[in-house]
Amino acid sequence: MVAREKLSKLSDLALRQRREGLTRVLPPLAEVLRGSLMERYLTCGNPACKCARGERHGPVWYLSVTLDQTRRAGCTVPGDQVEQVRRWIENYHRVKESLEKVSDINRELMRRHKNKNQKRKTAKP
């Protein structure tokens, strides 16, 4: 969970500027991937193979994605794509964190707007 900042102490202008800044530094959305990258070492089952003596095959890189509470999807990742997949997963986390911050700012701005409207209604004769 992202630590919530004390947004109530900032001005409307500061909040809007912060929101704009967050949207400007987002990574390219075409380079975002949700999931976990795992390094695995496998055995093939051949009793004459080195893996039967404990020297497993690998590393084999595997991308795992949780679809819902009961289902997962995954696939192997070729060795030449591992760094790209790592970057894309990191980009996903950066986007998610930025969206949480933008959402917090928007919620604070909405709260202020609502309070202003309520004050106007009570101030009218």
N, C-alpha and C. Protein backbone atom coordinates (compact mmCIF):
# COMPACT_ATOMS: atom_id res chain seq x y z
N MET A 1 0.84 -1.19 0.00
CA MET A 1 0.00 0.00 0.00
C MET A 1 0.88 1.24 0.00
N VAL A 2 0.50 2.19 -0.80
CA VAL A 2 1.24 3.44 -0.89
C VAL A 2 0.94 4.28 0.35
N ALA A 3 1.97 4.83 0.95
CA ALA A 3 1.76 5.70 2.12
C ALA A 3 1.01 6.95 1.67
N ARG A 4 -0.07 7.25 2.38
CA ARG A 4 -0.88 8.42 2.03
C ARG A 4 -0.21 9.69 2.52
N GLU A 5 -0.11 10.66 1.63
CA GLU A 5 0.51 11.93 1.97
C GLU A 5 -0.53 12.85 2.62
N LYS A 6 -0.05 13.87 3.29
CA LYS A 6 -0.94 14.86 3.90
C LYS A 6 -1.31 15.90 2.85
N LEU A 7 -2.26 15.54 2.00
CA LEU A 7 -2.65 16.41 0.90
C LEU A 7 -3.48 17.60 1.37
N SER A 8 -4.11 17.48 2.51
CA SER A 8 -4.99 18.55 2.99
C SER A 8 -4.21 19.83 3.29
N LYS A 9 -2.91 19.72 3.46
CA LYS A 9 -2.10 20.90 3.78
C LYS A 9 -1.65 21.66 2.52
N LEU A 10 -1.86 21.08 1.34
CA LEU A 10 -1.42 21.70 0.09
C LEU A 10 -2.55 22.53 -0.52
N SER A 11 -2.17 23.54 -1.26
CA SER A 11 -3.16 24.37 -1.96
C SER A 11 -3.72 23.62 -3.15
N ASP A 12 -4.86 24.11 -3.67
CA ASP A 12 -5.44 23.51 -4.87
C ASP A 12 -4.44 23.55 -6.03
N LEU A 13 -3.77 24.69 -6.18
CA LEU A 13 -2.79 24.82 -7.26
C LEU A 13 -1.67 23.80 -7.10
N ALA A 14 -1.17 23.63 -5.90
CA ALA A 14 -0.09 22.67 -5.66
C ALA A 14 -0.56 21.25 -5.96
N LEU A 15 -1.79 20.94 -5.60
CA LEU A 15 -2.33 19.61 -5.89
C LEU A 15 -2.45 19.37 -7.39
N ARG A 16 -2.96 20.36 -8.12
CA ARG A 16 -3.09 20.22 -9.57
C ARG A 16 -1.72 20.08 -10.24
N GLN A 17 -0.75 20.85 -9.76
CA GLN A 17 0.61 20.77 -10.32
C GLN A 17 1.22 19.40 -10.03
N ARG A 18 1.01 18.90 -8.83
CA ARG A 18 1.54 17.58 -8.48
C ARG A 18 0.90 16.51 -9.36
N ARG A 19 -0.41 16.61 -9.54
CA ARG A 19 -1.12 15.65 -10.40
C ARG A 19 -0.58 15.68 -11.82
N GLU A 20 -0.40 16.89 -12.34
CA GLU A 20 0.14 17.05 -13.70
C GLU A 20 1.54 16.45 -13.79
N GLY A 21 2.36 16.69 -12.78
CA GLY A 21 3.72 16.15 -12.77
C GLY A 21 3.73 14.63 -12.75
N LEU A 22 2.81 14.04 -11.99
CA LEU A 22 2.73 12.58 -11.94
C LEU A 22 2.36 11.99 -13.29
N THR A 23 1.46 12.65 -14.01
CA THR A 23 1.06 12.11 -15.31
C THR A 23 2.15 12.29 -16.36
N ARG A 24 3.01 13.28 -16.18
CA ARG A 24 4.09 13.50 -17.15
C ARG A 24 5.21 12.49 -17.05
N VAL A 25 5.42 11.91 -15.87
CA VAL A 25 6.55 11.01 -15.69
C VAL A 25 6.15 9.53 -15.77
N LEU A 26 4.93 9.26 -16.20
CA LEU A 26 4.52 7.87 -16.36
C LEU A 26 5.35 7.20 -17.44
N PRO A 27 5.71 5.93 -17.24
CA PRO A 27 6.40 5.21 -18.31
C PRO A 27 5.44 4.98 -19.47
N PRO A 28 5.96 4.65 -20.64
CA PRO A 28 5.07 4.38 -21.78
C PRO A 28 4.10 3.23 -21.44
N LEU A 29 2.82 3.47 -21.61
CA LEU A 29 1.84 2.46 -21.23
C LEU A 29 1.90 1.21 -22.11
N ALA A 30 2.52 1.32 -23.27
CA ALA A 30 2.71 0.14 -24.12
C ALA A 30 3.80 -0.77 -23.56
N GLU A 31 4.52 -0.30 -22.56
CA GLU A 31 5.61 -1.08 -21.96
C GLU A 31 5.31 -1.38 -20.49
N VAL A 32 4.10 -1.91 -20.25
CA VAL A 32 3.65 -2.24 -18.91
C VAL A 32 3.20 -3.69 -18.92
N LEU A 33 3.58 -4.41 -17.87
CA LEU A 33 3.22 -5.83 -17.76
C LEU A 33 2.97 -6.17 -16.30
N ARG A 34 1.81 -6.73 -16.00
CA ARG A 34 1.50 -7.15 -14.64
C ARG A 34 1.87 -8.62 -14.51
N GLY A 35 2.55 -8.94 -13.44
CA GLY A 35 2.91 -10.33 -13.18
C GLY A 35 4.17 -10.43 -12.35
N SER A 36 4.60 -11.66 -12.14
CA SER A 36 5.82 -11.94 -11.39
C SER A 36 6.75 -12.77 -12.26
N LEU A 37 8.00 -12.40 -12.25
CA LEU A 37 9.01 -13.13 -13.01
C LEU A 37 9.75 -14.05 -12.04
N MET A 38 9.76 -15.34 -12.37
CA MET A 38 10.40 -16.33 -11.49
C MET A 38 11.50 -17.07 -12.24
N GLU A 39 12.55 -17.34 -11.52
CA GLU A 39 13.66 -18.12 -12.05
C GLU A 39 13.49 -19.54 -11.53
N ARG A 40 13.45 -20.51 -12.44
CA ARG A 40 13.22 -21.89 -12.02
C ARG A 40 14.31 -22.80 -12.57
N TYR A 41 14.58 -23.84 -11.82
CA TYR A 41 15.50 -24.89 -12.25
C TYR A 41 14.71 -26.19 -12.23
N LEU A 42 14.77 -26.94 -13.34
CA LEU A 42 13.87 -28.07 -13.53
C LEU A 42 14.62 -29.39 -13.67
N THR A 43 13.87 -30.47 -13.46
CA THR A 43 14.37 -31.81 -13.75
C THR A 43 13.56 -32.35 -14.92
N CYS A 44 14.22 -33.14 -15.75
CA CYS A 44 13.54 -33.63 -16.96
C CYS A 44 12.94 -35.02 -16.78
N GLY A 45 13.37 -35.76 -15.76
CA GLY A 45 12.81 -37.09 -15.52
C GLY A 45 13.65 -38.22 -16.09
N ASN A 46 14.65 -37.90 -16.89
CA ASN A 46 15.53 -38.93 -17.44
C ASN A 46 16.50 -39.37 -16.34
N PRO A 47 16.48 -40.65 -15.95
CA PRO A 47 17.34 -41.10 -14.86
C PRO A 47 18.84 -41.01 -15.17
N ALA A 48 19.21 -40.95 -16.45
CA ALA A 48 20.62 -40.86 -16.82
C ALA A 48 21.11 -39.41 -16.92
N CYS A 49 20.22 -38.46 -16.77
CA CYS A 49 20.57 -37.04 -16.94
C CYS A 49 21.23 -36.49 -15.69
N LYS A 50 22.00 -35.44 -15.87
CA LYS A 50 22.67 -34.77 -14.74
C LYS A 50 21.67 -34.25 -13.72
N CYS A 51 20.45 -33.92 -14.16
CA CYS A 51 19.46 -33.37 -13.22
C CYS A 51 18.99 -34.44 -12.24
N ALA A 52 19.11 -35.71 -12.60
CA ALA A 52 18.75 -36.78 -11.67
C ALA A 52 19.74 -36.84 -10.51
N ARG A 53 20.94 -36.33 -10.71
CA ARG A 53 21.97 -36.30 -9.66
C ARG A 53 21.98 -34.96 -8.91
N GLY A 54 20.99 -34.12 -9.18
CA GLY A 54 20.87 -32.86 -8.44
C GLY A 54 21.28 -31.62 -9.20
N GLU A 55 21.86 -31.76 -10.37
CA GLU A 55 22.28 -30.61 -11.18
C GLU A 55 21.16 -30.27 -12.16
N ARG A 56 20.24 -29.45 -11.71
CA ARG A 56 19.03 -29.19 -12.49
C ARG A 56 19.28 -28.33 -13.74
N HIS A 57 18.33 -28.40 -14.66
CA HIS A 57 18.38 -27.60 -15.89
C HIS A 57 17.91 -26.18 -15.57
N GLY A 58 18.54 -25.22 -16.18
CA GLY A 58 18.06 -23.86 -15.97
C GLY A 58 19.18 -22.86 -15.99
N PRO A 59 18.87 -21.62 -15.76
CA PRO A 59 17.55 -21.18 -15.31
C PRO A 59 16.53 -21.13 -16.44
N VAL A 60 15.30 -21.39 -16.08
CA VAL A 60 14.16 -21.20 -16.96
C VAL A 60 13.35 -20.07 -16.33
N TRP A 61 13.07 -19.03 -17.11
CA TRP A 61 12.35 -17.87 -16.60
C TRP A 61 10.87 -18.04 -16.89
N TYR A 62 10.05 -17.74 -15.91
CA TYR A 62 8.62 -17.97 -16.00
C TYR A 62 7.87 -16.73 -15.53
N LEU A 63 6.91 -16.28 -16.33
CA LEU A 63 6.05 -15.17 -15.97
C LEU A 63 4.73 -15.73 -15.45
N SER A 64 4.36 -15.34 -14.24
CA SER A 64 3.12 -15.80 -13.63
C SER A 64 2.21 -14.59 -13.40
N VAL A 65 0.94 -14.74 -13.77
CA VAL A 65 -0.05 -13.67 -13.61
C VAL A 65 -1.27 -14.25 -12.91
N THR A 66 -1.69 -13.61 -11.81
CA THR A 66 -2.89 -14.02 -11.11
C THR A 66 -4.08 -13.37 -11.80
N LEU A 67 -5.00 -14.19 -12.28
CA LEU A 67 -6.18 -13.67 -12.99
C LEU A 67 -7.32 -13.37 -12.03
N ASP A 68 -7.54 -14.25 -11.08
CA ASP A 68 -8.51 -14.03 -10.01
C ASP A 68 -8.09 -14.91 -8.84
N GLN A 69 -8.97 -15.10 -7.87
CA GLN A 69 -8.58 -15.82 -6.66
C GLN A 69 -8.23 -17.28 -6.91
N THR A 70 -8.74 -17.85 -7.98
CA THR A 70 -8.52 -19.28 -8.22
C THR A 70 -7.71 -19.58 -9.48
N ARG A 71 -7.50 -18.62 -10.33
CA ARG A 71 -6.84 -18.91 -11.61
C ARG A 71 -5.57 -18.09 -11.79
N ARG A 72 -4.58 -18.75 -12.37
CA ARG A 72 -3.32 -18.11 -12.73
C ARG A 72 -3.02 -18.46 -14.18
N ALA A 73 -2.28 -17.58 -14.81
CA ALA A 73 -1.79 -17.84 -16.16
C ALA A 73 -0.28 -17.62 -16.14
N GLY A 74 0.39 -18.25 -17.04
CA GLY A 74 1.83 -18.06 -17.07
C GLY A 74 2.43 -18.57 -18.36
N CYS A 75 3.67 -18.20 -18.56
CA CYS A 75 4.39 -18.65 -19.73
C CYS A 75 5.89 -18.54 -19.47
N THR A 76 6.66 -19.29 -20.22
CA THR A 76 8.11 -19.16 -20.11
C THR A 76 8.54 -17.90 -20.86
N VAL A 77 9.63 -17.32 -20.40
CA VAL A 77 10.17 -16.10 -21.00
C VAL A 77 11.55 -16.43 -21.56
N PRO A 78 11.75 -16.21 -22.85
CA PRO A 78 13.08 -16.47 -23.42
C PRO A 78 14.14 -15.62 -22.72
N GLY A 79 15.32 -16.17 -22.59
CA GLY A 79 16.41 -15.50 -21.88
C GLY A 79 16.72 -14.12 -22.40
N ASP A 80 16.58 -13.92 -23.72
CA ASP A 80 16.89 -12.60 -24.29
C ASP A 80 15.80 -11.56 -24.02
N GLN A 81 14.67 -11.97 -23.43
CA GLN A 81 13.59 -11.03 -23.10
C GLN A 81 13.46 -10.78 -21.60
N VAL A 82 14.28 -11.42 -20.78
CA VAL A 82 14.14 -11.32 -19.33
C VAL A 82 14.28 -9.88 -18.85
N GLU A 83 15.29 -9.16 -19.32
CA GLU A 83 15.49 -7.78 -18.88
C GLU A 83 14.34 -6.88 -19.30
N GLN A 84 13.82 -7.09 -20.51
CA GLN A 84 12.68 -6.32 -20.98
C GLN A 84 11.45 -6.60 -20.10
N VAL A 85 11.21 -7.85 -19.78
CA VAL A 85 10.07 -8.21 -18.94
C VAL A 85 10.23 -7.60 -17.55
N ARG A 86 11.44 -7.62 -17.01
CA ARG A 86 11.69 -6.98 -15.70
C ARG A 86 11.35 -5.50 -15.74
N ARG A 87 11.79 -4.81 -16.81
CA ARG A 87 11.49 -3.37 -16.96
C ARG A 87 9.98 -3.15 -17.05
N TRP A 88 9.30 -3.96 -17.82
CA TRP A 88 7.86 -3.79 -17.99
C TRP A 88 7.12 -4.03 -16.68
N ILE A 89 7.55 -5.01 -15.90
CA ILE A 89 6.92 -5.25 -14.59
C ILE A 89 7.18 -4.07 -13.67
N GLU A 90 8.39 -3.55 -13.67
CA GLU A 90 8.71 -2.36 -12.87
C GLU A 90 7.87 -1.17 -13.32
N ASN A 91 7.69 -1.01 -14.63
CA ASN A 91 6.83 0.05 -15.16
C ASN A 91 5.40 -0.10 -14.66
N TYR A 92 4.92 -1.33 -14.60
CA TYR A 92 3.58 -1.57 -14.09
C TYR A 92 3.45 -1.05 -12.65
N HIS A 93 4.44 -1.37 -11.82
CA HIS A 93 4.40 -0.92 -10.43
C HIS A 93 4.47 0.60 -10.33
N ARG A 94 5.28 1.23 -11.19
CA ARG A 94 5.36 2.69 -11.18
C ARG A 94 4.04 3.31 -11.60
N VAL A 95 3.40 2.75 -12.64
CA VAL A 95 2.10 3.27 -13.09
C VAL A 95 1.06 3.11 -11.99
N LYS A 96 1.04 1.94 -11.38
CA LYS A 96 0.06 1.69 -10.33
C LYS A 96 0.25 2.65 -9.16
N GLU A 97 1.49 2.87 -8.75
CA GLU A 97 1.78 3.80 -7.66
C GLU A 97 1.37 5.23 -8.03
N SER A 98 1.67 5.63 -9.26
CA SER A 98 1.30 6.98 -9.70
C SER A 98 -0.21 7.14 -9.76
N LEU A 99 -0.92 6.12 -10.24
CA LEU A 99 -2.38 6.19 -10.29
C LEU A 99 -2.99 6.31 -8.90
N GLU A 100 -2.41 5.63 -7.93
CA GLU A 100 -2.88 5.75 -6.55
C GLU A 100 -2.71 7.19 -6.05
N LYS A 101 -1.56 7.79 -6.37
CA LYS A 101 -1.31 9.17 -5.93
C LYS A 101 -2.25 10.14 -6.63
N VAL A 102 -2.47 9.96 -7.93
CA VAL A 102 -3.39 10.83 -8.66
C VAL A 102 -4.80 10.68 -8.10
N SER A 103 -5.19 9.45 -7.79
CA SER A 103 -6.50 9.21 -7.22
C SER A 103 -6.65 9.90 -5.86
N ASP A 104 -5.61 9.84 -5.04
CA ASP A 104 -5.64 10.53 -3.74
C ASP A 104 -5.81 12.04 -3.93
N ILE A 105 -5.09 12.60 -4.89
CA ILE A 105 -5.19 14.04 -5.16
C ILE A 105 -6.59 14.38 -5.64
N ASN A 106 -7.12 13.59 -6.56
CA ASN A 106 -8.47 13.85 -7.07
C ASN A 106 -9.52 13.75 -5.97
N ARG A 107 -9.35 12.79 -5.08
CA ARG A 107 -10.29 12.65 -3.97
C ARG A 107 -10.23 13.87 -3.05
N GLU A 108 -9.02 14.38 -2.79
CA GLU A 108 -8.87 15.59 -1.97
C GLU A 108 -9.50 16.79 -2.66
N LEU A 109 -9.29 16.94 -3.97
CA LEU A 109 -9.89 18.05 -4.71
C LEU A 109 -11.42 17.96 -4.71
N MET A 110 -11.95 16.75 -4.84
CA MET A 110 -13.40 16.56 -4.80
C MET A 110 -13.95 16.93 -3.42
N ARG A 111 -13.25 16.52 -2.37
CA ARG A 111 -13.68 16.83 -1.01
C ARG A 111 -13.74 18.34 -0.81
N ARG A 112 -12.72 19.05 -1.31
CA ARG A 112 -12.71 20.50 -1.17
C ARG A 112 -13.84 21.15 -1.96
N HIS A 113 -14.08 20.65 -3.17
CA HIS A 113 -15.14 21.19 -4.01
C HIS A 113 -16.50 21.00 -3.32
N LYS A 114 -16.70 19.83 -2.76
CA LYS A 114 -17.95 19.54 -2.06
C LYS A 114 -18.12 20.48 -0.85
N ASN A 115 -17.05 20.69 -0.10
CA ASN A 115 -17.11 21.58 1.06
C ASN A 115 -17.41 23.02 0.64
N LYS A 116 -16.83 23.48 -0.47
CA LYS A 116 -17.10 24.83 -0.96
C LYS A 116 -18.57 24.98 -1.34
N ASN A 117 -19.10 23.97 -2.03
CA ASN A 117 -20.50 24.02 -2.44
C ASN A 117 -21.44 24.02 -1.25
N GLN A 118 -21.10 23.24 -0.23
CA GLN A 118 -21.94 23.21 0.97
C GLN A 118 -21.90 24.55 1.69
N LYS A 119 -20.76 25.18 1.73
CA LYS A 119 -20.64 26.49 2.38
C LYS A 119 -21.44 27.55 1.62
N ARG A 120 -21.42 27.46 0.28
CA ARG A 120 -22.19 28.42 -0.53
C ARG A 120 -23.68 28.27 -0.27
N LYS A 121 -24.15 27.04 -0.17
CA LYS A 121 -25.57 26.81 0.05
C LYS A 121 -26.02 27.32 1.41
N THR A 122 -25.19 27.14 2.41
CA THR A 122 -25.56 27.61 3.75
C THR A 122 -25.40 29.11 3.88
N ALA A 123 -24.56 29.72 3.06
CA ALA A 123 -24.33 31.18 3.14
C ALA A 123 -25.42 31.98 2.43
N LYS A 124 -26.17 31.35 1.50
CA LYS A 124 -27.23 32.07 0.77
C LYS A 124 -28.41 32.33 1.69
N PRO A 125 -28.95 33.56 1.63
CA PRO A 125 -30.11 33.90 2.47
C PRO A 125 -31.40 33.30 1.97
